[in-house]
Structure formats: structure tokens, C-alpha cells
């Protein structure tokens, strides 16, 4: 009897483990009461998802998934917001837009000062998924539109909420509106200082404001630099090293350094009928598709190896489908990082655009001692993914990719430079300059 009791206990444990997978049933149950211990219901001025059933949130320039969500004031360009509701029950969702200062705090502007026409709108464009094992509703909206137009440049936060209640949040996404007043010339390369040359990259640049008046450069101009769309390790509040006529020169040796890190890992699931790049296996279990990523190892002690990547981004796609937004299926995706011992003093996360460049609980890996590996099971939509393994020390907000991935000055990275200006007597930050620059020392 003891033996059968032991077997029954194992059976219960296995059911408990399986219940942690984000199945459709759980998502439906969590639709109206989705706030959990690992979720924050309070408004966050960053990319964030507030309900477990809301997945694959993307904001990009129309028809270009890999583009950065930036608009130029007065242009005819649009951004498109896309997301899926895996609860698959139609709800009316509303969006509104908040103007923020350079430090991503809400500005003191009244909404009529930065938006024209209506100040919120309904998301009326939605489609039910077809030919998928995971049913969902795909929502999208384009901005600006007939309801919402921008009057001012700066940082903006897009809020989506339910039940016409701004406290009932679904998601928030950052985007940018630029009025180009300055020219940015950048030189991004291996670090100049010998002690950093092998593993860090240096971001030098010059801002030329020409005839655009800036009364006090040190007080009124704010510069921020982001690497591969990350904000946890962004460099901000840089002040120019040299001012020469209309040029502001930011040519430092130590204040503008980033770890080069490593090329991003990747896998492809555009077609689930065969094992594509870096896929170890595909199985249908319990009416859902399970995808197993090839077991991987740390790269911190390995030599640098170049391969083309998309610097941590993702591209949602189902092969041979013109309707990937509604035909791409969701997959219960299994990651495995083989490591003899766990890393002390912190946690390991799967990290990239797939995690909104955040250290989300649903992307935190568990160390399974019997397997000698970190493991993660999460739900992702079909497509092509870049990612890396990030180490987040206990109590810290800035992650470290070098612990698992290593860091090399040769790595290909994207750098985003933002220039803000607060005119004397005003209460908001204009975004007067923006540049994307890729370093590829190959």
C-alpha cells in the first residue's frame, strides 16, 4: 500500500506541475480576476502587461514588425498596436495616451495641449483566430488616426483598458514623437581604454543644433542612450564634454560604455510540421502544441562567434500564411539551459523582446537539480525569436547578460540616441533629436 500511495503522490505532483502551464482553460478563468502575486495592477510608465490572457503585445511602424515605435511630428506615418486575448471572449477595449517627460514620469500638460480631436478611442479592429489549437482574438489599432492626433513631440505612453475604466488596465506601451531640430553624428566602436577594449563598446556622438536656440545646454538638454531597446541598463542625463559653437560633443572614455554582450540566440517556429532552426522536438499533448528548444549551454567562457541576428527582437509569422496575426498558433515552449550548478545570489531569465525587455516572472527559469539545468515553460506565438539568458542579482533592477552569455566588443548591437530639450518657462520635454546606429565591427 505504501508503494501505491507513493505512486499516487507522484501523480498528484505531476498534475500540479502541469497546471502551471498557461492553458486556455486557466486563461479563461483568470480573465475577470487576472491579478496575481506576480502581476502589478497599478499603472506602470513602461511596457507592461497587466492581464495573463493578454499576449504578444507589439507596437511598430505600420507594416514593419521590426521597426522602432517612433513618429516624426507632422508626418503621415502611423504606428500599429497589436495584441492577442487568449481568453477569446470579446470585450470592448479603450485606449488613451499620456505625455511623459524625459524620465518617463507624466508631464504636467493638460491633454488638450498634446492631443487634438478625441482624447481616447475604442479598439474596433479585431479578428478571431482560425485554424489554431489555441483560440484567441487579435486586436489592433493604428495611431494617429481620425480620433487621435499629436500636437507636441516627446515621450508618450499608450494605455489600453477594459470596461471604460482606466484602472482596469490591459497593457501599456512606450512610443516616441520627434520634432527634428538637431543633427546627431555618432561613432560607435570598441572602447578606447585598453582595460575595456575586449568586452565593452563606446558610444561617442556630436549634437549640432544649428540655428535652433538652446539657452542653457547643461540645464535644458537631456540625452539618453539605449542598447537594443533595453531600458534597465540605459545611460541617461549625459552632459556634453565639449561645447564648440553649435556643437555639443559627447566624446567620453568611461561614461558612455556598454557591455558588448553576445549575439542573440534564436529559434524559428514558423512551421510546426517539422523541426526547424534550434528546435529539438514538436509534440501535440493535451490538445496543445509543445515546442522544445534545443538544450543550451553558457557561452561566458567561449570565444566570440558571429552570426546574423535581429538584436533581441521577434517576428510573428506562420509560414505560407498571409494572415499570420490570426493564423499563427500559440505554443507551450520549453527552454533548457544546462548548467552543473545554479548561479548564486540571483535568478536567470529568458530575455529579449519576447519578455518586453523586462525580467518578468513568467520568464524566470527554475533550476532543476536532478537535470542539472535551468528550465522554463512559457507560451509564445509562432514566429522567429531572438533571446538571451540574463542574470538578475537579488534586489537589483539591472540585469547582466555576461554571466551566461559572455561579453565581447565585436558584437553587433543597435544603439538608440534620444535628445530632449526643455525650454525655459515650459513644463515639458521636447524630443528634438533621435538616431538609431548599429555597430558591426566585423
Protein backbone atom coordinates (compact mmCIF):
# COMPACT_ATOMS: atom_id res chain seq x y z
CA UNK A 1 0.00 0.00 0.00
CA UNK A 2 2.89 2.34 0.71
CA UNK A 3 4.13 1.78 -2.83
CA UNK A 4 0.74 2.67 -4.37
CA UNK A 5 0.49 5.70 -2.08
CA UNK A 6 3.88 6.84 -3.33
CA UNK A 7 2.78 6.40 -6.97
CA UNK A 8 -0.43 8.37 -6.29
CA UNK A 9 1.60 11.17 -4.69
CA UNK A 10 3.83 11.37 -7.77
CA UNK A 11 0.70 11.52 -9.91
CA UNK A 12 -0.64 14.48 -7.92
CA UNK A 13 2.71 16.25 -8.14
CA UNK A 14 2.75 15.80 -11.91
CA UNK A 15 -0.75 17.25 -12.17
CA UNK A 16 0.31 20.19 -10.04
CA UNK A 17 3.31 20.83 -12.29
CA UNK A 18 1.18 20.58 -15.42
CA UNK A 19 -1.34 23.06 -14.02
CA UNK A 20 1.35 25.76 -14.07
CA UNK A 21 1.27 25.77 -17.85
CA UNK A 22 -0.76 28.62 -19.33
CA UNK A 23 -3.55 26.55 -20.83
CA UNK A 24 -6.62 28.07 -22.38
CA UNK A 25 -8.84 26.95 -19.50
CA UNK A 26 -6.73 28.76 -16.93
CA UNK A 27 -6.60 31.89 -19.05
CA UNK A 28 -10.37 31.95 -19.35
CA UNK A 29 -10.79 31.54 -15.60
CA UNK A 30 -8.33 34.35 -14.99
CA UNK A 31 -9.98 36.78 -17.40
CA UNK A 32 -12.08 38.63 -14.84
CA UNK A 33 -9.74 38.08 -11.90
CA UNK A 34 -6.33 38.05 -13.51
CA UNK A 35 -4.39 39.96 -10.88
CA UNK A 36 -1.91 37.59 -9.21
CA UNK A 37 1.10 37.87 -6.94
CA UNK A 38 3.43 38.33 -9.91
CA UNK A 39 1.30 40.98 -11.61
CA UNK A 40 1.13 44.69 -10.93
CA UNK A 41 -2.29 46.29 -11.33
CA UNK A 42 -1.01 49.82 -10.74
CA UNK A 43 -0.16 51.91 -13.79
CA UNK A 44 3.45 51.45 -14.90
CA UNK A 45 5.07 54.04 -17.16
CA UNK A 46 6.81 51.37 -19.22
CA UNK A 47 5.99 48.45 -21.49
CA UNK A 48 3.90 46.23 -19.28
CA UNK A 49 1.03 43.70 -19.48
CA UNK A 50 -1.47 43.58 -16.64
CA UNK A 51 -3.55 40.51 -17.53
CA UNK A 52 -2.30 36.97 -18.03
CA UNK A 53 -4.59 36.41 -21.01
CA UNK A 54 -3.11 39.33 -22.98
CA UNK A 55 -0.21 38.09 -25.10
CA UNK A 56 2.18 39.17 -27.87
CA UNK A 57 1.85 42.92 -27.46
CA UNK A 58 3.60 44.74 -30.33
CA UNK A 59 3.84 48.40 -31.31
CA UNK A 60 5.66 49.28 -34.52
CA UNK A 61 5.51 51.47 -37.62
CA UNK A 62 2.75 50.29 -39.91
CA UNK A 63 3.61 47.11 -41.84
CA UNK A 64 7.11 46.79 -40.32
CA UNK A 65 7.26 44.46 -37.32
CA UNK A 66 10.95 45.04 -36.66
CA UNK A 67 10.72 48.85 -36.62
CA UNK A 68 11.05 51.06 -33.57
CA UNK A 69 7.85 52.84 -32.37
CA UNK A 70 8.84 56.38 -33.33
CA UNK A 71 6.95 59.00 -35.33
CA UNK A 72 8.02 62.38 -36.66
CA UNK A 73 5.73 65.26 -35.78
CA UNK A 74 3.57 66.30 -38.73
CA UNK A 75 4.33 63.19 -40.82
CA UNK A 76 1.66 60.89 -42.24
CA UNK A 77 3.22 57.78 -40.67
CA UNK A 78 1.27 55.58 -38.28
CA UNK A 79 2.10 53.15 -35.52
CA UNK A 80 0.16 49.90 -35.18
CA UNK A 81 -0.63 48.27 -31.86
CA UNK A 82 -1.25 44.52 -31.99
CA UNK A 83 -2.13 42.12 -29.19
CA UNK A 84 -3.99 38.86 -28.59
CA UNK A 85 -6.58 37.97 -25.98
CA UNK A 86 -6.29 34.26 -25.24
CA UNK A 87 -9.46 34.24 -23.18
CA UNK A 88 -11.17 34.52 -26.59
CA UNK A 89 -14.28 36.25 -25.25
CA UNK A 90 -14.96 39.56 -26.93
CA UNK A 91 -14.63 42.67 -24.78
CA UNK A 92 -14.72 46.35 -25.61
CA UNK A 93 -11.28 47.86 -25.08
CA UNK A 94 -10.42 51.54 -24.96
CA UNK A 95 -7.11 53.31 -25.36
CA UNK A 96 -5.76 56.67 -24.28
CA UNK A 97 -2.39 58.40 -24.47
CA UNK A 98 -0.28 60.06 -21.78
CA UNK A 99 2.51 62.56 -22.45
CA UNK A 100 5.64 61.90 -20.38
CA UNK A 101 8.84 63.76 -19.60
CA UNK A 102 12.33 62.53 -20.50
CA UNK A 103 12.48 60.46 -17.28
CA UNK A 104 9.18 58.71 -18.06
CA UNK A 105 7.10 60.50 -15.47
CA UNK A 106 3.79 62.05 -16.59
CA UNK A 107 4.25 65.64 -17.71
CA UNK A 108 2.13 68.44 -16.25
CA UNK A 109 0.49 69.13 -19.59
CA UNK A 110 -3.27 69.11 -19.97
CA UNK A 111 -4.38 66.51 -22.53
CA UNK A 112 -5.73 69.23 -24.86
CA UNK A 113 -2.20 70.63 -25.10
CA UNK A 114 -0.69 67.49 -26.69
CA UNK A 115 -3.65 65.77 -28.39
CA UNK A 116 -6.20 67.11 -30.84
CA UNK A 117 -9.70 65.81 -31.56
CA UNK A 118 -10.72 62.97 -29.21
CA UNK A 119 -8.60 62.01 -26.21
CA UNK A 120 -9.38 58.30 -26.22
CA UNK A 121 -10.78 55.77 -28.62
CA UNK A 122 -12.23 52.28 -28.91
CA UNK A 123 -10.27 49.43 -30.45
CA UNK A 124 -12.74 48.38 -33.11
CA UNK A 125 -10.48 46.26 -35.33
CA UNK A 126 -10.46 42.66 -34.10
CA UNK A 127 -10.41 39.17 -35.62
CA UNK A 128 -10.97 35.69 -34.23
CA UNK A 129 -8.17 33.20 -34.75
CA UNK A 130 -8.66 30.48 -37.35
CA UNK A 131 -7.05 27.04 -37.68
CA UNK A 132 -5.35 27.27 -34.28
CA UNK A 133 -5.29 24.95 -31.27
CA UNK A 134 -5.20 27.98 -29.00
CA UNK A 135 -8.28 30.12 -29.76
CA UNK A 136 -7.76 33.86 -29.35
CA UNK A 137 -8.94 37.26 -30.54
CA UNK A 138 -6.42 39.50 -32.27
CA UNK A 139 -6.86 43.25 -31.72
CA UNK A 140 -5.17 46.12 -33.50
CA UNK A 141 -5.36 49.88 -33.75
CA UNK A 142 -3.35 52.47 -35.68
CA UNK A 143 -2.30 55.88 -34.32
CA UNK A 144 -2.53 58.71 -35.13
CA UNK A 145 -5.99 58.37 -36.69
CA UNK A 146 -9.22 60.28 -37.14
CA UNK A 147 -9.74 60.27 -33.38
CA UNK A 148 -6.23 60.99 -32.07
CA UNK A 149 -3.54 63.33 -33.43
CA UNK A 150 -0.37 64.68 -31.81
CA UNK A 151 0.41 68.35 -31.26
CA UNK A 152 3.72 68.03 -29.41
CA UNK A 153 6.86 65.92 -29.52
CA UNK A 154 8.14 63.85 -26.60
CA UNK A 155 7.73 60.53 -24.85
CA UNK A 156 4.26 59.00 -24.92
CA UNK A 157 2.59 56.12 -23.11
CA UNK A 158 -0.24 54.21 -24.78
CA UNK A 159 -2.73 52.77 -22.27
CA UNK A 160 -5.31 50.11 -23.09
CA UNK A 161 -8.05 49.32 -20.59
CA UNK A 162 -11.39 47.50 -20.30
CA UNK A 163 -14.93 48.39 -19.22
CA UNK A 164 -14.31 52.08 -19.93
CA UNK A 165 -12.36 52.12 -16.66
CA UNK A 166 -8.78 53.41 -16.80
CA UNK A 167 -7.99 51.45 -13.64
CA UNK A 168 -8.86 48.16 -15.38
CA UNK A 169 -5.60 48.03 -17.34
CA UNK A 170 -4.65 45.57 -20.06
CA UNK A 171 -1.33 46.94 -21.24
CA UNK A 172 0.93 49.97 -21.55
CA UNK A 173 3.43 50.64 -24.35
CA UNK A 174 6.00 53.38 -24.80
CA UNK A 175 6.42 55.29 -28.04
CA UNK A 176 8.05 58.50 -29.26
CA UNK A 177 7.15 61.56 -31.31
CA UNK A 178 10.14 63.52 -32.65
CA UNK A 179 10.38 67.07 -33.98
CA UNK A 180 13.79 67.05 -35.60
CA UNK A 181 15.65 70.18 -34.55
CA UNK A 182 19.21 68.87 -34.26
CA UNK A 183 21.56 66.60 -36.20
CA UNK A 184 23.26 63.69 -34.46
CA UNK A 185 26.57 62.26 -35.72
CA UNK A 186 27.64 59.13 -33.89
CA UNK A 187 30.76 56.98 -33.75
CA UNK A 188 30.15 53.68 -32.01
CA UNK A 189 33.14 51.38 -31.63
CA UNK A 190 35.24 49.25 -29.30
CA UNK A 191 36.13 51.00 -26.05
CA UNK A 192 39.16 53.29 -26.30
CA UNK A 193 40.54 52.42 -22.87
CA UNK A 194 42.73 49.32 -23.06
CA UNK A 195 41.21 47.69 -19.96
CA UNK A 196 37.75 47.71 -21.59
CA UNK A 197 38.68 47.12 -25.21
CA UNK A 198 37.93 43.40 -25.38
CA UNK A 199 34.44 43.45 -23.93
CA UNK A 200 32.90 46.95 -23.95
CA UNK A 201 31.60 49.31 -26.64
CA UNK A 202 31.86 53.10 -26.63
CA UNK A 203 29.08 55.40 -27.84
CA UNK A 204 30.56 58.76 -28.92
CA UNK A 205 28.39 61.34 -30.66
CA UNK A 206 28.03 65.03 -31.52
CA UNK A 207 24.80 67.06 -31.50
CA UNK A 208 24.68 70.05 -33.82
CA UNK A 209 21.73 72.33 -33.03
CA UNK A 210 22.48 74.85 -35.80
CA UNK A 211 20.15 77.84 -35.55
CA UNK A 212 17.85 76.14 -33.04
CA UNK A 213 18.20 78.18 -29.82
CA UNK A 214 19.25 76.43 -26.59
CA UNK A 215 19.70 78.86 -23.71
CA UNK A 216 21.40 76.58 -21.17
CA UNK A 217 22.83 73.35 -22.56
CA UNK A 218 23.69 71.85 -19.18
CA UNK A 219 20.30 72.53 -17.64
CA UNK A 220 17.92 72.27 -20.59
CA UNK A 221 19.26 69.36 -22.68
CA UNK A 222 18.89 65.72 -21.65
CA UNK A 223 20.42 62.82 -23.58
CA UNK A 224 19.57 59.13 -23.22
CA UNK A 225 21.16 56.08 -24.87
CA UNK A 226 19.54 52.65 -25.09
CA UNK A 227 21.19 49.43 -26.24
CA UNK A 228 18.94 47.05 -28.20
CA UNK A 229 15.78 48.65 -26.76
CA UNK A 230 16.75 47.81 -23.19
CA UNK A 231 15.96 50.38 -20.53
CA UNK A 232 17.34 48.68 -17.43
CA UNK A 233 20.94 49.50 -18.47
CA UNK A 234 20.24 52.76 -20.35
CA UNK A 235 22.65 55.67 -19.91
CA UNK A 236 20.88 58.93 -19.14
CA UNK A 237 21.49 62.53 -18.16
CA UNK A 238 24.77 62.75 -20.06
CA UNK A 239 26.17 66.28 -20.29
CA UNK A 240 28.49 67.34 -23.14
CA UNK A 241 32.24 67.07 -22.63
CA UNK A 242 32.92 69.96 -25.03
CA UNK A 243 30.78 72.79 -26.44
CA UNK A 244 32.10 74.17 -29.72
CA UNK A 245 29.95 76.81 -31.40
CA UNK A 246 26.66 74.99 -32.15
CA UNK A 247 28.12 71.54 -31.49
CA UNK A 248 27.69 69.55 -28.28
CA UNK A 249 30.40 66.88 -28.14
CA UNK A 250 29.89 63.72 -26.08
CA UNK A 251 33.23 62.00 -26.51
CA UNK A 252 33.96 60.27 -23.22
CA UNK A 253 36.13 57.30 -22.38
CA UNK A 254 34.17 55.83 -19.49
CA UNK A 255 30.71 57.46 -19.08
CA UNK A 256 29.33 56.13 -22.35
CA UNK A 257 30.32 52.44 -22.20
CA UNK A 258 28.12 49.37 -22.61
CA UNK A 259 28.99 45.69 -22.32
CA UNK A 260 29.14 44.34 -25.87
CA UNK A 261 27.50 41.10 -24.65
CA UNK A 262 26.99 38.40 -27.32
CA UNK A 263 24.96 37.73 -30.43
CA UNK A 264 21.42 36.68 -29.58
CA UNK A 265 20.34 33.08 -29.55
CA UNK A 266 17.44 32.27 -31.84
CA UNK A 267 14.83 29.72 -32.83
CA UNK A 268 12.17 29.52 -35.52
CA UNK A 269 8.65 28.10 -35.31
CA UNK A 270 7.08 29.47 -38.50
CA UNK A 271 6.19 25.90 -39.49
CA UNK A 272 5.32 23.38 -36.77
CA UNK A 273 5.18 20.40 -39.14
CA UNK A 274 8.92 19.92 -38.96
CA UNK A 275 11.83 20.71 -36.65
CA UNK A 276 13.25 23.99 -37.83
CA UNK A 277 16.22 26.01 -36.57
CA UNK A 278 17.25 25.16 -32.99
CA UNK A 279 14.11 23.12 -32.30
CA UNK A 280 14.62 19.78 -30.55
CA UNK A 281 11.09 18.49 -30.97
CA UNK A 282 7.42 19.33 -31.51
CA UNK A 283 4.62 17.35 -29.85
CA UNK A 284 0.85 17.63 -29.53
CA UNK A 285 -0.18 16.89 -25.94
CA UNK A 286 -3.50 17.66 -24.30
CA UNK A 287 -4.70 19.32 -27.48
CA UNK A 288 -1.85 21.88 -27.44
CA UNK A 289 1.45 22.17 -29.29
CA UNK A 290 4.58 21.75 -27.21
CA UNK A 291 7.84 23.03 -28.68
CA UNK A 292 11.20 22.06 -27.17
CA UNK A 293 14.15 24.35 -27.78
CA UNK A 294 17.47 22.54 -28.14
CA UNK A 295 19.20 22.29 -24.74
CA UNK A 296 21.81 25.02 -24.47
CA UNK A 297 24.95 25.82 -22.50
CA UNK A 298 26.51 29.02 -21.11
CA UNK A 299 28.80 30.89 -23.51
CA UNK A 300 30.68 33.05 -20.98
CA UNK A 301 33.93 31.05 -21.38
CA UNK A 302 33.67 30.53 -25.15
CA UNK A 303 35.24 32.51 -27.97
CA UNK A 304 33.13 35.06 -29.81
CA UNK A 305 31.32 33.68 -32.84
CA UNK A 306 29.45 35.96 -35.21
CA UNK A 307 26.09 35.08 -36.70
CA UNK A 308 23.37 37.38 -38.07
CA UNK A 309 20.62 38.19 -35.61
CA UNK A 310 17.92 40.84 -35.13
CA UNK A 311 19.34 42.10 -31.84
CA UNK A 312 16.79 40.58 -29.49
CA UNK A 313 13.64 41.27 -31.48
CA UNK A 314 10.95 38.86 -32.71
CA UNK A 315 8.83 38.48 -35.82
CA UNK A 316 5.40 36.86 -35.60
CA UNK A 317 4.81 34.70 -38.65
CA UNK A 318 3.20 31.49 -39.83
CA UNK A 319 4.79 30.06 -42.93
CA UNK A 320 2.76 30.44 -46.14
CA UNK A 321 0.05 32.40 -44.35
CA UNK A 322 -0.96 35.92 -45.41
CA UNK A 323 -2.94 36.17 -42.16
CA UNK A 324 -0.31 35.39 -39.53
CA UNK A 325 -1.88 37.72 -36.97
CA UNK A 326 -4.87 35.38 -36.70
CA UNK A 327 -3.50 32.08 -38.10
CA UNK A 328 -0.23 31.82 -36.17
CA UNK A 329 -0.81 29.44 -33.27
CA UNK A 330 0.43 29.60 -29.72
CA UNK A 331 2.96 27.07 -28.47
CA UNK A 332 3.82 25.84 -25.00
CA UNK A 333 7.54 26.49 -25.33
CA UNK A 334 10.21 24.70 -23.28
CA UNK A 335 13.67 26.21 -22.66
CA UNK A 336 16.58 24.33 -21.08
CA UNK A 337 19.94 25.81 -20.06
CA UNK A 338 22.33 23.07 -18.95
CA UNK A 339 24.49 24.14 -16.01
CA UNK A 340 26.14 21.93 -13.43
CA UNK A 341 25.35 24.28 -10.55
CA UNK A 342 22.92 27.20 -10.14
CA UNK A 343 24.24 30.75 -10.15
CA UNK A 344 24.20 32.03 -6.55
CA UNK A 345 22.67 35.31 -5.44
CA UNK A 346 20.14 35.82 -8.21
CA UNK A 347 17.90 34.38 -10.91
CA UNK A 348 18.19 33.51 -14.60
CA UNK A 349 15.63 34.85 -17.09
CA UNK A 350 14.88 34.32 -20.76
CA UNK A 351 15.26 37.88 -22.00
CA UNK A 352 14.53 39.95 -25.11
CA UNK A 353 11.56 41.47 -26.90
CA UNK A 354 9.66 38.27 -26.13
CA UNK A 355 9.76 39.37 -22.44
CA UNK A 356 9.18 43.09 -23.26
CA UNK A 357 12.85 43.61 -22.28
CA UNK A 358 11.77 43.04 -18.68
CA UNK A 359 12.55 40.44 -16.03
CA UNK A 360 9.04 39.05 -15.93
CA UNK A 361 8.03 36.26 -13.54
CA UNK A 362 6.74 34.18 -16.45
CA UNK A 363 10.23 34.22 -17.98
CA UNK A 364 12.15 33.36 -14.80
CA UNK A 365 13.81 29.96 -15.06
CA UNK A 366 13.77 27.30 -12.35
CA UNK A 367 16.85 25.28 -11.52
CA UNK A 368 16.05 21.56 -11.61
CA UNK A 369 18.82 19.86 -9.69
CA UNK A 370 18.10 16.33 -10.89
CA UNK A 371 18.52 17.52 -14.51
CA UNK A 372 21.44 19.84 -13.79
CA UNK A 373 19.73 22.60 -15.73
CA UNK A 374 17.65 25.76 -15.64
CA UNK A 375 14.24 25.15 -17.21
CA UNK A 376 11.31 27.30 -18.29
CA UNK A 377 7.91 26.62 -19.80
CA UNK A 378 6.06 29.58 -21.26
CA UNK A 379 3.55 30.36 -24.00
CA UNK A 380 4.69 32.03 -27.24
CA UNK A 381 3.17 32.68 -30.66
CA UNK A 382 4.61 31.20 -33.86
CA UNK A 383 7.44 33.11 -35.45
CA UNK A 384 11.16 33.87 -35.36
CA UNK A 385 12.65 34.77 -31.98
CA UNK A 386 15.88 36.23 -30.66
CA UNK A 387 16.65 35.94 -26.94
CA UNK A 388 19.45 35.60 -24.41
CA UNK A 389 19.79 34.36 -20.85
CA UNK A 390 20.04 37.20 -18.33
CA UNK A 391 21.20 37.04 -14.73
CA UNK A 392 19.37 39.37 -12.32
CA UNK A 393 21.09 39.69 -8.91
CA UNK A 394 18.80 39.65 -5.88
CA UNK A 395 17.43 43.10 -5.11
CA UNK A 396 18.73 44.65 -8.35
CA UNK A 397 16.89 46.08 -11.36
CA UNK A 398 19.74 45.96 -13.90
CA UNK A 399 20.36 42.54 -15.40
CA UNK A 400 23.68 41.09 -16.55
CA UNK A 401 23.92 39.15 -19.80
CA UNK A 402 27.64 38.45 -19.47
CA UNK A 403 27.21 35.89 -16.65
CA UNK A 404 25.71 33.34 -19.05
CA UNK A 405 26.35 34.80 -22.49
CA UNK A 406 29.78 36.41 -22.12
CA UNK A 407 30.63 39.87 -23.44
CA UNK A 408 32.67 40.88 -26.49
CA UNK A 409 33.45 44.22 -28.10
CA UNK A 410 32.93 42.64 -31.55
CA UNK A 411 29.21 42.01 -31.01
CA UNK A 412 26.65 43.54 -33.35
CA UNK A 413 24.31 45.87 -31.38
CA UNK A 414 21.77 48.61 -32.05
CA UNK A 415 22.06 51.90 -30.18
CA UNK A 416 19.25 54.45 -29.82
CA UNK A 417 20.13 58.08 -29.02
CA UNK A 418 17.42 60.45 -27.73
CA UNK A 419 17.89 64.21 -27.30
CA UNK A 420 15.38 66.12 -25.17
CA UNK A 421 15.06 69.88 -24.65
CA UNK A 422 13.07 71.75 -22.02
CA UNK A 423 12.76 75.38 -23.00
CA UNK A 424 12.90 77.98 -20.27
CA UNK A 425 9.42 78.69 -18.97
CA UNK A 426 7.88 75.42 -20.25
CA UNK A 427 6.73 72.35 -18.33
CA UNK A 428 7.54 69.51 -20.71
CA UNK A 429 10.45 67.93 -22.58
CA UNK A 430 10.54 68.13 -26.36
CA UNK A 431 12.16 65.24 -28.21
CA UNK A 432 14.30 67.21 -30.68
CA UNK A 433 16.69 64.52 -31.90
CA UNK A 434 16.70 60.77 -32.46
CA UNK A 435 19.07 58.32 -34.14
CA UNK A 436 19.47 54.57 -34.47
CA UNK A 437 23.02 53.35 -35.10
CA UNK A 438 24.25 49.77 -35.46
CA UNK A 439 27.78 48.78 -34.52
CA UNK A 440 29.19 45.91 -36.53
CA UNK A 441 32.97 45.74 -36.17
CA UNK A 442 33.22 42.71 -38.46
